[in-house]
Amino acid sequence: MLPVLALLLTVAALAAAWLLSSRRRGGRRQQAFARVLDAADALEERLRTARAEIEAVAGDEENPVREALQEMLRQRLWLQQYGADATVDQLDAVRESIDAARRRIDQQLLQIERARAPLH
């Protein structure tokens, strides 16, 4: 009877470990998905703020805001279509792409700010 009890306890422990492990993986994936959405929201907010500044200087030609907005929309569509099944690595790559777009916009805004600054 003791070996059967030990076997049942071992099986229960393994099942609990497997369940905990699968929940942790799901948790990391959920966190990665949330980080992607947060990054997309931050980029969208930054783009809306930057649009007037950049269009005032650059006009409608070669508008990096429009390009970044289009890229963000592509990424949101990808998330809608594939996000539920995406791996953590795929989600991290999308978030990194979004962060890179935000950095490019920040650089454009910095150049505009420098160009508008009075020369001393």
N, C-alpha and C. Protein backbone atom coordinates (compact mmCIF):
# COMPACT_ATOMS: atom_id res chain seq x y z
N MET A 1 0.82 -1.19 0.00
CA MET A 1 0.00 0.00 0.00
C MET A 1 0.87 1.25 0.00
N LEU A 2 1.98 1.23 0.70
CA LEU A 2 2.88 2.36 0.76
C LEU A 2 3.47 2.70 -0.61
N PRO A 3 3.90 1.72 -1.42
CA PRO A 3 4.41 2.04 -2.76
C PRO A 3 3.34 2.67 -3.65
N VAL A 4 2.09 2.24 -3.54
CA VAL A 4 1.00 2.82 -4.34
C VAL A 4 0.79 4.27 -3.93
N LEU A 5 0.81 4.54 -2.64
CA LEU A 5 0.64 5.90 -2.14
C LEU A 5 1.79 6.79 -2.62
N ALA A 6 3.01 6.27 -2.57
CA ALA A 6 4.16 7.02 -3.05
C ALA A 6 4.04 7.30 -4.55
N LEU A 7 3.57 6.32 -5.29
CA LEU A 7 3.38 6.50 -6.73
C LEU A 7 2.32 7.56 -7.00
N LEU A 8 1.21 7.52 -6.28
CA LEU A 8 0.16 8.52 -6.45
C LEU A 8 0.66 9.92 -6.10
N LEU A 9 1.43 10.03 -5.03
CA LEU A 9 1.98 11.33 -4.65
C LEU A 9 2.96 11.85 -5.71
N THR A 10 3.75 10.96 -6.27
CA THR A 10 4.69 11.35 -7.33
C THR A 10 3.94 11.82 -8.56
N VAL A 11 2.91 11.10 -8.96
CA VAL A 11 2.11 11.49 -10.12
C VAL A 11 1.43 12.84 -9.86
N ALA A 12 0.90 13.02 -8.67
CA ALA A 12 0.25 14.29 -8.32
C ALA A 12 1.26 15.44 -8.35
N ALA A 13 2.45 15.21 -7.83
CA ALA A 13 3.49 16.23 -7.83
C ALA A 13 3.90 16.59 -9.26
N LEU A 14 4.06 15.58 -10.10
CA LEU A 14 4.42 15.84 -11.50
C LEU A 14 3.32 16.60 -12.23
N ALA A 15 2.08 16.23 -11.98
CA ALA A 15 0.96 16.94 -12.60
C ALA A 15 0.91 18.39 -12.14
N ALA A 16 1.15 18.62 -10.85
CA ALA A 16 1.15 19.98 -10.32
C ALA A 16 2.29 20.79 -10.93
N ALA A 17 3.46 20.18 -11.06
CA ALA A 17 4.61 20.87 -11.65
C ALA A 17 4.33 21.21 -13.11
N TRP A 18 3.75 20.28 -13.85
CA TRP A 18 3.42 20.53 -15.26
C TRP A 18 2.40 21.65 -15.38
N LEU A 19 1.37 21.64 -14.54
CA LEU A 19 0.34 22.68 -14.57
C LEU A 19 0.95 24.05 -14.24
N LEU A 20 1.78 24.11 -13.23
CA LEU A 20 2.42 25.36 -12.85
C LEU A 20 3.31 25.87 -13.98
N SER A 21 4.05 24.96 -14.60
CA SER A 21 4.93 25.34 -15.70
C SER A 21 4.14 25.88 -16.89
N SER A 22 3.03 25.24 -17.23
CA SER A 22 2.24 25.71 -18.37
C SER A 22 1.59 27.05 -18.06
N ARG A 23 1.21 27.27 -16.82
CA ARG A 23 0.63 28.57 -16.44
C ARG A 23 1.68 29.67 -16.51
N ARG A 24 2.89 29.37 -16.10
CA ARG A 24 3.97 30.36 -16.16
C ARG A 24 4.27 30.74 -17.60
N ARG A 25 4.30 29.74 -18.48
CA ARG A 25 4.54 30.04 -19.90
C ARG A 25 3.42 30.90 -20.45
N GLY A 26 2.19 30.60 -20.09
CA GLY A 26 1.07 31.41 -20.53
C GLY A 26 1.14 32.81 -19.95
N GLY A 27 1.61 32.92 -18.72
CA GLY A 27 1.76 34.22 -18.08
C GLY A 27 2.80 35.07 -18.78
N ARG A 28 3.93 34.48 -19.16
CA ARG A 28 4.97 35.22 -19.87
C ARG A 28 4.44 35.68 -21.22
N ARG A 29 3.69 34.82 -21.88
CA ARG A 29 3.13 35.18 -23.18
C ARG A 29 2.14 36.31 -23.04
N GLN A 30 1.28 36.23 -22.01
CA GLN A 30 0.31 37.29 -21.77
C GLN A 30 1.01 38.60 -21.46
N GLN A 31 2.08 38.53 -20.68
CA GLN A 31 2.83 39.74 -20.37
C GLN A 31 3.48 40.32 -21.62
N ALA A 32 4.02 39.45 -22.47
CA ALA A 32 4.63 39.92 -23.71
C ALA A 32 3.58 40.56 -24.60
N PHE A 33 2.41 39.96 -24.67
CA PHE A 33 1.32 40.53 -25.48
C PHE A 33 0.91 41.88 -24.92
N ALA A 34 0.81 42.00 -23.61
CA ALA A 34 0.44 43.27 -22.98
C ALA A 34 1.51 44.33 -23.24
N ARG A 35 2.80 43.93 -23.21
CA ARG A 35 3.87 44.89 -23.50
C ARG A 35 3.79 45.39 -24.94
N VAL A 36 3.44 44.51 -25.86
CA VAL A 36 3.29 44.92 -27.26
C VAL A 36 2.17 45.94 -27.38
N LEU A 37 1.04 45.65 -26.76
CA LEU A 37 -0.09 46.59 -26.84
C LEU A 37 0.25 47.92 -26.17
N ASP A 38 0.94 47.88 -25.05
CA ASP A 38 1.35 49.12 -24.38
C ASP A 38 2.30 49.93 -25.26
N ALA A 39 3.25 49.23 -25.91
CA ALA A 39 4.18 49.92 -26.80
C ALA A 39 3.44 50.53 -27.99
N ALA A 40 2.49 49.81 -28.54
CA ALA A 40 1.70 50.34 -29.67
C ALA A 40 0.89 51.56 -29.23
N ASP A 41 0.30 51.50 -28.06
CA ASP A 41 -0.47 52.64 -27.55
C ASP A 41 0.43 53.85 -27.33
N ALA A 42 1.63 53.62 -26.78
CA ALA A 42 2.57 54.72 -26.55
C ALA A 42 3.02 55.33 -27.86
N LEU A 43 3.29 54.48 -28.85
CA LEU A 43 3.69 54.99 -30.15
C LEU A 43 2.56 55.79 -30.79
N GLU A 44 1.36 55.28 -30.72
CA GLU A 44 0.23 56.00 -31.31
C GLU A 44 0.05 57.36 -30.66
N GLU A 45 0.16 57.41 -29.35
CA GLU A 45 0.03 58.70 -28.65
C GLU A 45 1.15 59.65 -29.07
N ARG A 46 2.36 59.13 -29.17
CA ARG A 46 3.50 59.95 -29.58
C ARG A 46 3.32 60.45 -31.01
N LEU A 47 2.80 59.60 -31.88
CA LEU A 47 2.60 59.99 -33.27
C LEU A 47 1.55 61.08 -33.40
N ARG A 48 0.51 60.98 -32.63
CA ARG A 48 -0.53 62.00 -32.68
C ARG A 48 0.02 63.35 -32.22
N THR A 49 0.88 63.30 -31.22
CA THR A 49 1.51 64.53 -30.73
C THR A 49 2.47 65.09 -31.77
N ALA A 50 3.21 64.21 -32.42
CA ALA A 50 4.25 64.63 -33.36
C ALA A 50 3.71 65.06 -34.72
N ARG A 51 2.53 64.60 -35.07
CA ARG A 51 2.03 64.83 -36.43
C ARG A 51 2.03 66.31 -36.82
N ALA A 52 1.48 67.16 -35.98
CA ALA A 52 1.39 68.59 -36.32
C ALA A 52 2.78 69.21 -36.44
N GLU A 53 3.69 68.84 -35.55
CA GLU A 53 5.04 69.40 -35.59
C GLU A 53 5.76 69.03 -36.88
N ILE A 54 5.71 67.78 -37.23
CA ILE A 54 6.44 67.31 -38.41
C ILE A 54 5.79 67.82 -39.69
N GLU A 55 4.48 67.81 -39.75
CA GLU A 55 3.81 68.30 -40.96
C GLU A 55 4.05 69.79 -41.15
N ALA A 56 4.18 70.53 -40.07
CA ALA A 56 4.45 71.97 -40.18
C ALA A 56 5.80 72.23 -40.83
N VAL A 57 6.75 71.36 -40.59
CA VAL A 57 8.09 71.55 -41.13
C VAL A 57 8.27 70.82 -42.45
N ALA A 58 7.85 69.55 -42.49
CA ALA A 58 8.12 68.71 -43.66
C ALA A 58 7.01 68.75 -44.69
N GLY A 59 5.86 69.21 -44.33
CA GLY A 59 4.73 69.17 -45.25
C GLY A 59 4.22 67.75 -45.39
N ASP A 60 3.49 67.49 -46.47
CA ASP A 60 2.93 66.16 -46.66
C ASP A 60 3.88 65.21 -47.36
N GLU A 61 4.98 65.74 -47.93
CA GLU A 61 5.94 64.87 -48.61
C GLU A 61 6.81 64.18 -47.57
N GLU A 62 7.18 62.96 -47.83
CA GLU A 62 8.06 62.18 -46.96
C GLU A 62 7.68 62.37 -45.49
N ASN A 63 6.46 62.10 -45.19
CA ASN A 63 5.95 62.30 -43.84
C ASN A 63 6.24 61.06 -42.99
N PRO A 64 7.20 61.15 -42.07
CA PRO A 64 7.53 59.97 -41.25
C PRO A 64 6.40 59.59 -40.30
N VAL A 65 5.55 60.54 -39.95
CA VAL A 65 4.42 60.21 -39.07
C VAL A 65 3.45 59.31 -39.81
N ARG A 66 3.15 59.64 -41.03
CA ARG A 66 2.25 58.81 -41.82
C ARG A 66 2.82 57.41 -41.99
N GLU A 67 4.12 57.33 -42.29
CA GLU A 67 4.76 56.03 -42.45
C GLU A 67 4.71 55.24 -41.14
N ALA A 68 4.97 55.90 -40.03
CA ALA A 68 4.95 55.22 -38.73
C ALA A 68 3.53 54.77 -38.37
N LEU A 69 2.54 55.61 -38.67
CA LEU A 69 1.15 55.23 -38.42
C LEU A 69 0.76 54.01 -39.25
N GLN A 70 1.20 54.00 -40.50
CA GLN A 70 0.90 52.84 -41.35
C GLN A 70 1.57 51.59 -40.81
N GLU A 71 2.82 51.72 -40.35
CA GLU A 71 3.51 50.57 -39.77
C GLU A 71 2.80 50.10 -38.52
N MET A 72 2.36 51.03 -37.69
CA MET A 72 1.66 50.66 -36.47
C MET A 72 0.35 49.93 -36.80
N LEU A 73 -0.36 50.40 -37.81
CA LEU A 73 -1.60 49.73 -38.21
C LEU A 73 -1.31 48.31 -38.71
N ARG A 74 -0.22 48.15 -39.47
CA ARG A 74 0.16 46.80 -39.93
C ARG A 74 0.44 45.89 -38.74
N GLN A 75 1.12 46.43 -37.75
CA GLN A 75 1.45 45.62 -36.58
C GLN A 75 0.20 45.30 -35.77
N ARG A 76 -0.73 46.23 -35.66
CA ARG A 76 -1.98 45.95 -34.94
C ARG A 76 -2.81 44.89 -35.68
N LEU A 77 -2.81 44.96 -37.01
CA LEU A 77 -3.51 43.93 -37.79
C LEU A 77 -2.86 42.57 -37.59
N TRP A 78 -1.53 42.55 -37.57
CA TRP A 78 -0.81 41.29 -37.33
C TRP A 78 -1.19 40.74 -35.96
N LEU A 79 -1.22 41.61 -34.96
CA LEU A 79 -1.59 41.17 -33.62
C LEU A 79 -3.01 40.62 -33.60
N GLN A 80 -3.90 41.28 -34.30
CA GLN A 80 -5.29 40.82 -34.34
C GLN A 80 -5.39 39.45 -35.00
N GLN A 81 -4.63 39.25 -36.07
CA GLN A 81 -4.72 38.00 -36.81
C GLN A 81 -3.91 36.87 -36.18
N TYR A 82 -2.71 37.18 -35.69
CA TYR A 82 -1.79 36.14 -35.25
C TYR A 82 -1.38 36.23 -33.78
N GLY A 83 -1.74 37.31 -33.11
CA GLY A 83 -1.29 37.54 -31.75
C GLY A 83 -1.68 36.45 -30.77
N ALA A 84 -2.85 35.89 -30.93
CA ALA A 84 -3.31 34.86 -29.99
C ALA A 84 -2.43 33.62 -30.02
N ASP A 85 -1.82 33.34 -31.17
CA ASP A 85 -0.98 32.15 -31.30
C ASP A 85 0.51 32.48 -31.36
N ALA A 86 0.87 33.75 -31.25
CA ALA A 86 2.26 34.16 -31.38
C ALA A 86 3.08 33.69 -30.18
N THR A 87 4.34 33.42 -30.45
CA THR A 87 5.25 33.05 -29.37
C THR A 87 5.72 34.32 -28.66
N VAL A 88 6.32 34.13 -27.50
CA VAL A 88 6.86 35.27 -26.76
C VAL A 88 7.94 35.96 -27.60
N ASP A 89 8.77 35.20 -28.29
CA ASP A 89 9.81 35.79 -29.13
C ASP A 89 9.21 36.63 -30.26
N GLN A 90 8.15 36.14 -30.88
CA GLN A 90 7.50 36.91 -31.94
C GLN A 90 6.90 38.20 -31.38
N LEU A 91 6.26 38.10 -30.23
CA LEU A 91 5.68 39.29 -29.61
C LEU A 91 6.77 40.29 -29.21
N ASP A 92 7.88 39.79 -28.70
CA ASP A 92 9.00 40.67 -28.35
C ASP A 92 9.55 41.37 -29.59
N ALA A 93 9.62 40.66 -30.70
CA ALA A 93 10.12 41.26 -31.95
C ALA A 93 9.19 42.37 -32.43
N VAL A 94 7.90 42.16 -32.32
CA VAL A 94 6.93 43.20 -32.72
C VAL A 94 7.08 44.41 -31.81
N ARG A 95 7.22 44.16 -30.51
CA ARG A 95 7.37 45.28 -29.56
C ARG A 95 8.66 46.05 -29.86
N GLU A 96 9.75 45.34 -30.15
CA GLU A 96 11.01 46.00 -30.48
C GLU A 96 10.87 46.85 -31.74
N SER A 97 10.13 46.37 -32.71
CA SER A 97 9.88 47.13 -33.94
C SER A 97 9.09 48.40 -33.64
N ILE A 98 8.10 48.28 -32.78
CA ILE A 98 7.31 49.45 -32.39
C ILE A 98 8.18 50.45 -31.65
N ASP A 99 9.00 49.96 -30.73
CA ASP A 99 9.89 50.85 -29.99
C ASP A 99 10.88 51.55 -30.92
N ALA A 100 11.37 50.85 -31.94
CA ALA A 100 12.29 51.46 -32.91
C ALA A 100 11.58 52.56 -33.69
N ALA A 101 10.33 52.34 -34.05
CA ALA A 101 9.57 53.38 -34.76
C ALA A 101 9.39 54.61 -33.88
N ARG A 102 9.14 54.39 -32.60
CA ARG A 102 8.98 55.52 -31.68
C ARG A 102 10.31 56.28 -31.55
N ARG A 103 11.43 55.56 -31.52
CA ARG A 103 12.73 56.23 -31.44
C ARG A 103 12.99 57.05 -32.70
N ARG A 104 12.60 56.54 -33.88
CA ARG A 104 12.78 57.30 -35.12
C ARG A 104 11.97 58.59 -35.09
N ILE A 105 10.75 58.51 -34.60
CA ILE A 105 9.92 59.71 -34.50
C ILE A 105 10.54 60.69 -33.51
N ASP A 106 11.04 60.19 -32.40
CA ASP A 106 11.69 61.07 -31.42
C ASP A 106 12.90 61.78 -32.05
N GLN A 107 13.65 61.06 -32.89
CA GLN A 107 14.79 61.68 -33.57
C GLN A 107 14.32 62.78 -34.53
N GLN A 108 13.25 62.51 -35.26
CA GLN A 108 12.69 63.53 -36.16
C GLN A 108 12.28 64.76 -35.38
N LEU A 109 11.62 64.55 -34.25
CA LEU A 109 11.18 65.68 -33.43
C LEU A 109 12.37 66.46 -32.87
N LEU A 110 13.42 65.77 -32.50
CA LEU A 110 14.62 66.43 -32.01
C LEU A 110 15.24 67.28 -33.11
N GLN A 111 15.29 66.76 -34.32
CA GLN A 111 15.82 67.54 -35.44
C GLN A 111 14.97 68.78 -35.70
N ILE A 112 13.67 68.63 -35.60
CA ILE A 112 12.77 69.77 -35.79
C ILE A 112 13.01 70.81 -34.70
N GLU A 113 13.12 70.34 -33.48
CA GLU A 113 13.35 71.25 -32.35
C GLU A 113 14.66 72.01 -32.55
N ARG A 114 15.70 71.31 -32.98
CA ARG A 114 16.98 71.97 -33.21
C ARG A 114 16.89 72.97 -34.36
N ALA A 115 16.15 72.62 -35.41
CA ALA A 115 16.01 73.52 -36.55
C ALA A 115 15.23 74.78 -36.17
N ARG A 116 14.31 74.66 -35.27
CA ARG A 116 13.50 75.81 -34.85
C ARG A 116 14.19 76.66 -33.81
N ALA A 117 15.18 76.11 -33.15
CA ALA A 117 15.86 76.86 -32.10
C ALA A 117 16.59 78.05 -32.70
N PRO A 118 16.48 79.18 -32.06
CA PRO A 118 17.18 80.37 -32.59
C PRO A 118 18.70 80.17 -32.49
N LEU A 119 19.37 80.66 -33.50
CA LEU A 119 20.83 80.55 -33.51
C LEU A 119 21.40 81.60 -32.57
N HIS A 120 22.36 81.19 -31.77
CA HIS A 120 22.98 82.13 -30.81
C HIS A 120 24.34 82.51 -31.27
